[in-house]
């Protein structure tokens, strides 16, 4: 049994032509993704403090509750 020729990873197969595809634009959707995405990347030293996403959410909810109480206390004393 003969082995077939290996095709380079960046080459198109014979049945495809470059003209069959539209013009490729790098980063075409990045602005929309930046506006609508809510992904946050933690610094590695901060990420090491939390075992999973649920613990991060819990910590942020607790911090938000503390911040709300602190801001309402400041508003009353003014």
PDB file of N, CA and C in Angstrom:
ATOM      1  N   UNK A   1       0.843  -1.175   0.000  1.00  0.00           N
ATOM      2  CA  UNK A   1       0.000   0.000   0.000  1.00  0.00           C
ATOM      3  C   UNK A   1       0.889   1.239   0.000  1.00  0.00           C
ATOM      4  N   UNK A   2       0.598   2.164  -0.926  1.00  0.00           N
ATOM      5  CA  UNK A   2       1.374   3.401  -1.008  1.00  0.00           C
ATOM      6  C   UNK A   2       0.814   4.436  -0.044  1.00  0.00           C
ATOM      7  N   UNK A   3       1.726   5.216   0.498  1.00  0.00           N
ATOM      8  CA  UNK A   3       1.303   6.315   1.355  1.00  0.00           C
ATOM      9  C   UNK A   3       1.063   7.537   0.489  1.00  0.00           C
ATOM     10  N   UNK A   4       0.011   8.263   0.804  1.00  0.00           N
ATOM     11  CA  UNK A   4      -0.305   9.473   0.064  1.00  0.00           C
ATOM     12  C   UNK A   4       0.647  10.595   0.431  1.00  0.00           C
ATOM     13  N   UNK A   5       0.670  11.606  -0.417  1.00  0.00           N
ATOM     14  CA  UNK A   5       1.506  12.761  -0.132  1.00  0.00           C
ATOM     15  C   UNK A   5       0.941  13.503   1.072  1.00  0.00           C
ATOM     16  N   UNK A   6       1.839  13.986   1.905  1.00  0.00           N
ATOM     17  CA  UNK A   6       1.399  14.793   3.038  1.00  0.00           C
ATOM     18  C   UNK A   6       1.202  16.221   2.561  1.00  0.00           C
ATOM     19  N   UNK A   7       0.065  16.779   2.924  1.00  0.00           N
ATOM     20  CA  UNK A   7      -0.251  18.152   2.546  1.00  0.00           C
ATOM     21  C   UNK A   7       0.153  19.054   3.711  1.00  0.00           C
ATOM     22  N   UNK A   8       0.834  20.140   3.398  1.00  0.00           N
ATOM     23  CA  UNK A   8       1.214  21.092   4.439  1.00  0.00           C
ATOM     24  C   UNK A   8      -0.037  21.643   5.105  1.00  0.00           C
ATOM     25  N   UNK A   9       0.060  21.937   6.387  1.00  0.00           N
ATOM     26  CA  UNK A   9      -1.100  22.373   7.166  1.00  0.00           C
ATOM     27  C   UNK A   9      -1.719  23.661   6.637  1.00  0.00           C
ATOM     28  N   UNK A  10      -0.912  24.518   6.018  1.00  0.00           N
ATOM     29  CA  UNK A  10      -1.438  25.801   5.557  1.00  0.00           C
ATOM     30  C   UNK A  10      -1.835  25.794   4.087  1.00  0.00           C
ATOM     31  N   UNK A  11      -1.813  24.638   3.436  1.00  0.00           N
ATOM     32  CA  UNK A  11      -2.209  24.549   2.033  1.00  0.00           C
ATOM     33  C   UNK A  11      -3.674  24.131   1.918  1.00  0.00           C
ATOM     34  N   UNK A  12      -4.341  24.644   0.912  1.00  0.00           N
ATOM     35  CA  UNK A  12      -5.713  24.227   0.642  1.00  0.00           C
ATOM     36  C   UNK A  12      -5.697  22.912  -0.132  1.00  0.00           C
ATOM     37  N   UNK A  13      -6.721  22.150   0.016  1.00  0.00           N
ATOM     38  CA  UNK A  13      -6.841  20.925  -0.773  1.00  0.00           C
ATOM     39  C   UNK A  13      -7.048  21.295  -2.237  1.00  0.00           C
ATOM     40  N   UNK A  14      -6.798  20.347  -3.121  1.00  0.00           N
ATOM     41  CA  UNK A  14      -6.927  20.616  -4.559  1.00  0.00           C
ATOM     42  C   UNK A  14      -8.331  21.045  -4.947  1.00  0.00           C
ATOM     43  N   UNK A  15      -9.341  20.498  -4.270  1.00  0.00           N
ATOM     44  CA  UNK A  15     -10.714  20.813  -4.668  1.00  0.00           C
ATOM     45  C   UNK A  15     -11.150  22.217  -4.252  1.00  0.00           C
ATOM     46  N   UNK A  16     -10.363  22.876  -3.428  1.00  0.00           N
ATOM     47  CA  UNK A  16     -10.680  24.240  -3.015  1.00  0.00           C
ATOM     48  C   UNK A  16      -9.815  25.234  -3.776  1.00  0.00           C
ATOM     49  N   UNK A  17     -10.409  26.365  -4.057  1.00  0.00           N
ATOM     50  CA  UNK A  17      -9.656  27.449  -4.681  1.00  0.00           C
ATOM     51  C   UNK A  17      -9.783  28.669  -3.790  1.00  0.00           C
ATOM     52  N   UNK A  18      -8.776  29.456  -3.722  1.00  0.00           N
ATOM     53  CA  UNK A  18      -8.805  30.666  -2.897  1.00  0.00           C
ATOM     54  C   UNK A  18      -9.921  31.604  -3.349  1.00  0.00           C
ATOM     55  N   UNK A  19     -10.220  31.589  -4.621  1.00  0.00           N
ATOM     56  CA  UNK A  19     -11.260  32.472  -5.155  1.00  0.00           C
ATOM     57  C   UNK A  19     -12.667  32.052  -4.717  1.00  0.00           C
ATOM     58  N   UNK A  20     -12.800  30.829  -4.167  1.00  0.00           N
ATOM     59  CA  UNK A  20     -14.095  30.373  -3.665  1.00  0.00           C
ATOM     60  C   UNK A  20     -14.487  31.059  -2.351  1.00  0.00           C
ATOM     61  N   UNK A  21     -13.521  31.655  -1.706  1.00  0.00           N
ATOM     62  CA  UNK A  21     -13.749  32.267  -0.403  1.00  0.00           C
ATOM     63  C   UNK A  21     -13.769  33.780  -0.507  1.00  0.00           C
ATOM     64  N   UNK A  22     -14.463  34.411   0.430  1.00  0.00           N
ATOM     65  CA  UNK A  22     -14.492  35.873   0.475  1.00  0.00           C
ATOM     66  C   UNK A  22     -13.148  36.405   0.959  1.00  0.00           C
ATOM     67  N   UNK A  23     -13.047  37.713   0.930  1.00  0.00           N
ATOM     68  CA  UNK A  23     -11.841  38.360   1.436  1.00  0.00           C
ATOM     69  C   UNK A  23     -11.809  38.167   2.949  1.00  0.00           C
ATOM     70  N   UNK A  24     -10.673  37.734   3.463  1.00  0.00           N
ATOM     71  CA  UNK A  24     -10.538  37.510   4.892  1.00  0.00           C
ATOM     72  C   UNK A  24     -10.100  38.799   5.572  1.00  0.00           C
ATOM     73  N   UNK A  25     -10.751  39.114   6.676  1.00  0.00           N
ATOM     74  CA  UNK A  25     -10.421  40.317   7.428  1.00  0.00           C
ATOM     75  C   UNK A  25     -10.105  39.890   8.848  1.00  0.00           C
ATOM     76  N   UNK A  26      -8.899  40.187   9.288  1.00  0.00           N
ATOM     77  CA  UNK A  26      -8.495  39.817  10.641  1.00  0.00           C
ATOM     78  C   UNK A  26      -9.146  40.756  11.654  1.00  0.00           C
ATOM     79  N   UNK A  27      -9.723  40.202  12.709  1.00  0.00           N
ATOM     80  CA  UNK A  27     -10.319  40.999  13.767  1.00  0.00           C
ATOM     81  C   UNK A  27     -11.619  41.673  13.391  1.00  0.00           C
ATOM     82  N   UNK A  28     -12.351  41.086  12.479  1.00  0.00           N
ATOM     83  CA  UNK A  28     -13.567  41.687  11.948  1.00  0.00           C
ATOM     84  C   UNK A  28     -14.625  41.935  13.033  1.00  0.00           C
ATOM     85  N   UNK A  29     -14.727  41.063  14.013  1.00  0.00           N
ATOM     86  CA  UNK A  29     -15.782  41.147  15.011  1.00  0.00           C
ATOM     87  C   UNK A  29     -15.287  41.580  16.390  1.00  0.00           C
ATOM     88  N   UNK A  30     -14.045  41.994  16.515  1.00  0.00           N
ATOM     89  CA  UNK A  30     -13.467  42.262  17.825  1.00  0.00           C
ATOM     90  C   UNK A  30     -14.145  43.419  18.553  1.00  0.00           C
ATOM     91  N   UNK A  31     -14.518  44.475  17.857  1.00  0.00           N
ATOM     92  CA  UNK A  31     -15.144  45.619  18.526  1.00  0.00           C
ATOM     93  C   UNK A  31     -16.491  45.236  19.128  1.00  0.00           C
ATOM     94  N   UNK A  32     -17.291  44.496  18.401  1.00  0.00           N
ATOM     95  CA  UNK A  32     -18.571  44.036  18.929  1.00  0.00           C
ATOM     96  C   UNK A  32     -18.383  43.109  20.122  1.00  0.00           C
ATOM     97  N   UNK A  33     -17.371  42.270  20.061  1.00  0.00           N
ATOM     98  CA  UNK A  33     -17.087  41.363  21.162  1.00  0.00           C
ATOM     99  C   UNK A  33     -16.653  42.135  22.401  1.00  0.00           C
ATOM    100  N   UNK A  34     -15.844  43.147  22.212  1.00  0.00           N
ATOM    101  CA  UNK A  34     -15.399  43.956  23.353  1.00  0.00           C
ATOM    102  C   UNK A  34     -16.569  44.672  24.014  1.00  0.00           C
ATOM    103  N   UNK A  35     -17.522  45.136  23.223  1.00  0.00           N
ATOM    104  CA  UNK A  35     -18.666  45.862  23.766  1.00  0.00           C
ATOM    105  C   UNK A  35     -19.638  44.943  24.495  1.00  0.00           C
ATOM    106  N   UNK A  36     -19.854  43.738  23.968  1.00  0.00           N
ATOM    107  CA  UNK A  36     -20.892  42.873  24.524  1.00  0.00           C
ATOM    108  C   UNK A  36     -20.365  41.776  25.435  1.00  0.00           C
ATOM    109  N   UNK A  37     -19.077  41.605  25.517  1.00  0.00           N
ATOM    110  CA  UNK A  37     -18.524  40.518  26.317  1.00  0.00           C
ATOM    111  C   UNK A  37     -18.406  40.924  27.780  1.00  0.00           C
ATOM    112  N   UNK A  38     -18.605  39.981  28.671  1.00  0.00           N
ATOM    113  CA  UNK A  38     -18.444  40.247  30.089  1.00  0.00           C
ATOM    114  C   UNK A  38     -17.367  39.352  30.693  1.00  0.00           C
ATOM    115  N   UNK A  39     -16.441  38.900  29.893  1.00  0.00           N
ATOM    116  CA  UNK A  39     -15.359  38.047  30.357  1.00  0.00           C
ATOM    117  C   UNK A  39     -14.310  38.905  31.037  1.00  0.00           C
ATOM    118  N   UNK A  40     -13.882  38.472  32.211  1.00  0.00           N
ATOM    119  CA  UNK A  40     -12.854  39.179  32.958  1.00  0.00           C
ATOM    120  C   UNK A  40     -11.713  38.208  33.193  1.00  0.00           C
ATOM    121  N   UNK A  41     -10.502  38.634  32.927  1.00  0.00           N
ATOM    122  CA  UNK A  41      -9.332  37.795  33.140  1.00  0.00           C
ATOM    123  C   UNK A  41      -8.641  38.263  34.413  1.00  0.00           C
ATOM    124  N   UNK A  42      -8.482  37.354  35.347  1.00  0.00           N
ATOM    125  CA  UNK A  42      -7.838  37.677  36.616  1.00  0.00           C
ATOM    126  C   UNK A  42      -6.327  37.552  36.491  1.00  0.00           C
ATOM    127  N   UNK A  43      -5.615  38.381  37.223  1.00  0.00           N
ATOM    128  CA  UNK A  43      -4.170  38.228  37.290  1.00  0.00           C
ATOM    129  C   UNK A  43      -3.862  36.886  37.951  1.00  0.00           C
ATOM    130  N   UNK A  44      -2.766  36.248  37.570  1.00  0.00           N
ATOM    131  CA  UNK A  44      -2.460  34.909  38.105  1.00  0.00           C
ATOM    132  C   UNK A  44      -2.411  34.851  39.635  1.00  0.00           C
ATOM    133  N   UNK A  45      -1.847  35.883  40.277  1.00  0.00           N
ATOM    134  CA  UNK A  45      -1.758  35.840  41.747  1.00  0.00           C
ATOM    135  C   UNK A  45      -3.137  35.958  42.397  1.00  0.00           C
ATOM    136  N   UNK A  46      -4.072  36.630  41.750  1.00  0.00           N
ATOM    137  CA  UNK A  46      -5.437  36.710  42.265  1.00  0.00           C
ATOM    138  C   UNK A  46      -6.176  35.409  41.979  1.00  0.00           C
ATOM    139  N   UNK A  47      -5.989  34.862  40.800  1.00  0.00           N
ATOM    140  CA  UNK A  47      -6.658  33.615  40.422  1.00  0.00           C
ATOM    141  C   UNK A  47      -6.247  32.460  41.330  1.00  0.00           C
ATOM    142  N   UNK A  48      -5.016  32.487  41.840  1.00  0.00           N
ATOM    143  CA  UNK A  48      -4.553  31.426  42.739  1.00  0.00           C
ATOM    144  C   UNK A  48      -5.327  31.407  44.054  1.00  0.00           C
ATOM    145  N   UNK A  49      -5.968  32.510  44.413  1.00  0.00           N
ATOM    146  CA  UNK A  49      -6.709  32.595  45.672  1.00  0.00           C
ATOM    147  C   UNK A  49      -8.067  31.916  45.604  1.00  0.00           C
ATOM    148  N   UNK A  50      -8.578  31.676  44.393  1.00  0.00           N
ATOM    149  CA  UNK A  50      -9.923  31.130  44.224  1.00  0.00           C
ATOM    150  C   UNK A  50      -9.859  29.785  43.506  1.00  0.00           C
ATOM    151  N   UNK A  51     -10.551  28.772  44.059  1.00  0.00           N
ATOM    152  CA  UNK A  51     -10.513  27.452  43.422  1.00  0.00           C
ATOM    153  C   UNK A  51     -11.378  27.347  42.176  1.00  0.00           C
ATOM    154  N   UNK A  52     -12.431  28.191  42.059  1.00  0.00           N
ATOM    155  CA  UNK A  52     -13.331  28.084  40.902  1.00  0.00           C
ATOM    156  C   UNK A  52     -14.108  29.382  40.720  1.00  0.00           C
ATOM    157  N   UNK A  53     -14.898  29.444  39.665  1.00  0.00           N
ATOM    158  CA  UNK A  53     -15.676  30.642  39.354  1.00  0.00           C
ATOM    159  C   UNK A  53     -16.739  30.954  40.385  1.00  0.00           C
ATOM    160  N   UNK A  54     -17.324  29.931  41.000  1.00  0.00           N
ATOM    161  CA  UNK A  54     -18.363  30.160  42.005  1.00  0.00           C
ATOM    162  C   UNK A  54     -17.802  30.904  43.214  1.00  0.00           C
ATOM    163  N   UNK A  55     -16.587  30.577  43.598  1.00  0.00           N
ATOM    164  CA  UNK A  55     -15.990  31.261  44.752  1.00  0.00           C
ATOM    165  C   UNK A  55     -15.664  32.712  44.418  1.00  0.00           C
ATOM    166  N   UNK A  56     -15.294  32.982  43.175  1.00  0.00           N
ATOM    167  CA  UNK A  56     -15.038  34.363  42.744  1.00  0.00           C
ATOM    168  C   UNK A  56     -16.346  35.153  42.801  1.00  0.00           C
ATOM    169  N   UNK A  57     -17.426  34.573  42.279  1.00  0.00           N
ATOM    170  CA  UNK A  57     -18.731  35.246  42.305  1.00  0.00           C
ATOM    171  C   UNK A  57     -19.192  35.508  43.730  1.00  0.00           C
ATOM    172  N   UNK A  58     -19.007  34.542  44.613  1.00  0.00           N
ATOM    173  CA  UNK A  58     -19.395  34.710  46.004  1.00  0.00           C
ATOM    174  C   UNK A  58     -18.624  35.850  46.661  1.00  0.00           C
ATOM    175  N   UNK A  59     -17.324  35.900  46.425  1.00  0.00           N
ATOM    176  CA  UNK A  59     -16.495  36.963  46.999  1.00  0.00           C
ATOM    177  C   UNK A  59     -16.909  38.329  46.460  1.00  0.00           C
ATOM    178  N   UNK A  60     -17.204  38.412  45.181  1.00  0.00           N
ATOM    179  CA  UNK A  60     -17.614  39.691  44.599  1.00  0.00           C
ATOM    180  C   UNK A  60     -18.982  40.136  45.110  1.00  0.00           C
ATOM    181  N   UNK A  61     -19.902  39.188  45.308  1.00  0.00           N
ATOM    182  CA  UNK A  61     -21.214  39.534  45.866  1.00  0.00           C
ATOM    183  C   UNK A  61     -21.069  40.074  47.291  1.00  0.00           C
ATOM    184  N   UNK A  62     -20.214  39.440  48.081  1.00  0.00           N
ATOM    185  CA  UNK A  62     -19.976  39.902  49.452  1.00  0.00           C
ATOM    186  C   UNK A  62     -19.374  41.299  49.449  1.00  0.00           C
ATOM    187  N   UNK A  63     -18.411  41.520  48.570  1.00  0.00           N
ATOM    188  CA  UNK A  63     -17.781  42.834  48.475  1.00  0.00           C
ATOM    189  C   UNK A  63     -18.786  43.891  48.029  1.00  0.00           C
ATOM    190  N   UNK A  64     -19.667  43.543  47.095  1.00  0.00           N
ATOM    191  CA  UNK A  64     -20.684  44.485  46.629  1.00  0.00           C
ATOM    192  C   UNK A  64     -21.646  44.842  47.755  1.00  0.00           C
ATOM    193  N   UNK A  65     -22.016  43.860  48.577  1.00  0.00           N
ATOM    194  CA  UNK A  65     -22.913  44.125  49.706  1.00  0.00           C
ATOM    195  C   UNK A  65     -22.246  45.057  50.712  1.00  0.00           C
ATOM    196  N   UNK A  66     -20.968  44.841  50.987  1.00  0.00           N
ATOM    197  CA  UNK A  66     -20.223  45.708  51.895  1.00  0.00           C
ATOM    198  C   UNK A  66     -20.144  47.120  51.331  1.00  0.00           C
ATOM    199  N   UNK A  67     -19.880  47.222  50.037  1.00  0.00           N
ATOM    200  CA  UNK A  67     -19.780  48.541  49.404  1.00  0.00           C
ATOM    201  C   UNK A  67     -21.121  49.275  49.462  1.00  0.00           C
ATOM    202  N   UNK A  68     -22.240  48.555  49.257  1.00  0.00           N
ATOM    203  CA  UNK A  68     -23.564  49.183  49.337  1.00  0.00           C
ATOM    204  C   UNK A  68     -23.838  49.703  50.739  1.00  0.00           C
ATOM    205  N   UNK A  69     -23.511  48.887  51.756  1.00  0.00           N
ATOM    206  CA  UNK A  69     -23.736  49.322  53.142  1.00  0.00           C
ATOM    207  C   UNK A  69     -22.874  50.520  53.482  1.00  0.00           C
ATOM    208  N   UNK A  70     -21.623  50.518  53.024  1.00  0.00           N
ATOM    209  CA  UNK A  70     -20.713  51.632  53.318  1.00  0.00           C
ATOM    210  C   UNK A  70     -21.193  52.920  52.645  1.00  0.00           C
ATOM    211  N   UNK A  71     -21.693  52.816  51.410  1.00  0.00           N
ATOM    212  CA  UNK A  71     -22.151  54.019  50.726  1.00  0.00           C
ATOM    213  C   UNK A  71     -23.447  54.549  51.332  1.00  0.00           C
ATOM    214  N   UNK A  72     -24.326  53.657  51.801  1.00  0.00           N
ATOM    215  CA  UNK A  72     -25.565  54.126  52.434  1.00  0.00           C
ATOM    216  C   UNK A  72     -25.271  54.760  53.796  1.00  0.00           C
ATOM    217  N   UNK A  73     -24.264  54.278  54.492  1.00  0.00           N
ATOM    218  CA  UNK A  73     -23.870  54.867  55.781  1.00  0.00           C
ATOM    219  C   UNK A  73     -23.300  56.252  55.572  1.00  0.00           C
ATOM    220  N   UNK A  74     -22.495  56.426  54.557  1.00  0.00           N
ATOM    221  CA  UNK A  74     -21.918  57.736  54.247  1.00  0.00           C
ATOM    222  C   UNK A  74     -23.005  58.735  53.870  1.00  0.00           C
ATOM    223  N   UNK A  75     -24.014  58.305  53.136  1.00  0.00           N
ATOM    224  CA  UNK A  75     -25.075  59.204  52.704  1.00  0.00           C
ATOM    225  C   UNK A  75     -25.916  59.668  53.900  1.00  0.00           C
ATOM    226  N   UNK A  76     -26.138  58.797  54.874  1.00  0.00           N
ATOM    227  CA  UNK A  76     -26.942  59.171  56.037  1.00  0.00           C
ATOM    228  C   UNK A  76     -26.215  60.172  56.934  1.00  0.00           C
ATOM    229  N   UNK A  77     -24.899  60.021  57.071  1.00  0.00           N
ATOM    230  CA  UNK A  77     -24.163  60.879  57.982  1.00  0.00           C
ATOM    231  C   UNK A  77     -23.925  62.284  57.419  1.00  0.00           C
ATOM    232  N   UNK A  78     -24.131  62.470  56.154  1.00  0.00           N
ATOM    233  CA  UNK A  78     -23.871  63.786  55.543  1.00  0.00           C
ATOM    234  C   UNK A  78     -24.875  64.799  55.898  1.00  0.00           C
TER     235      UNK A  78
END
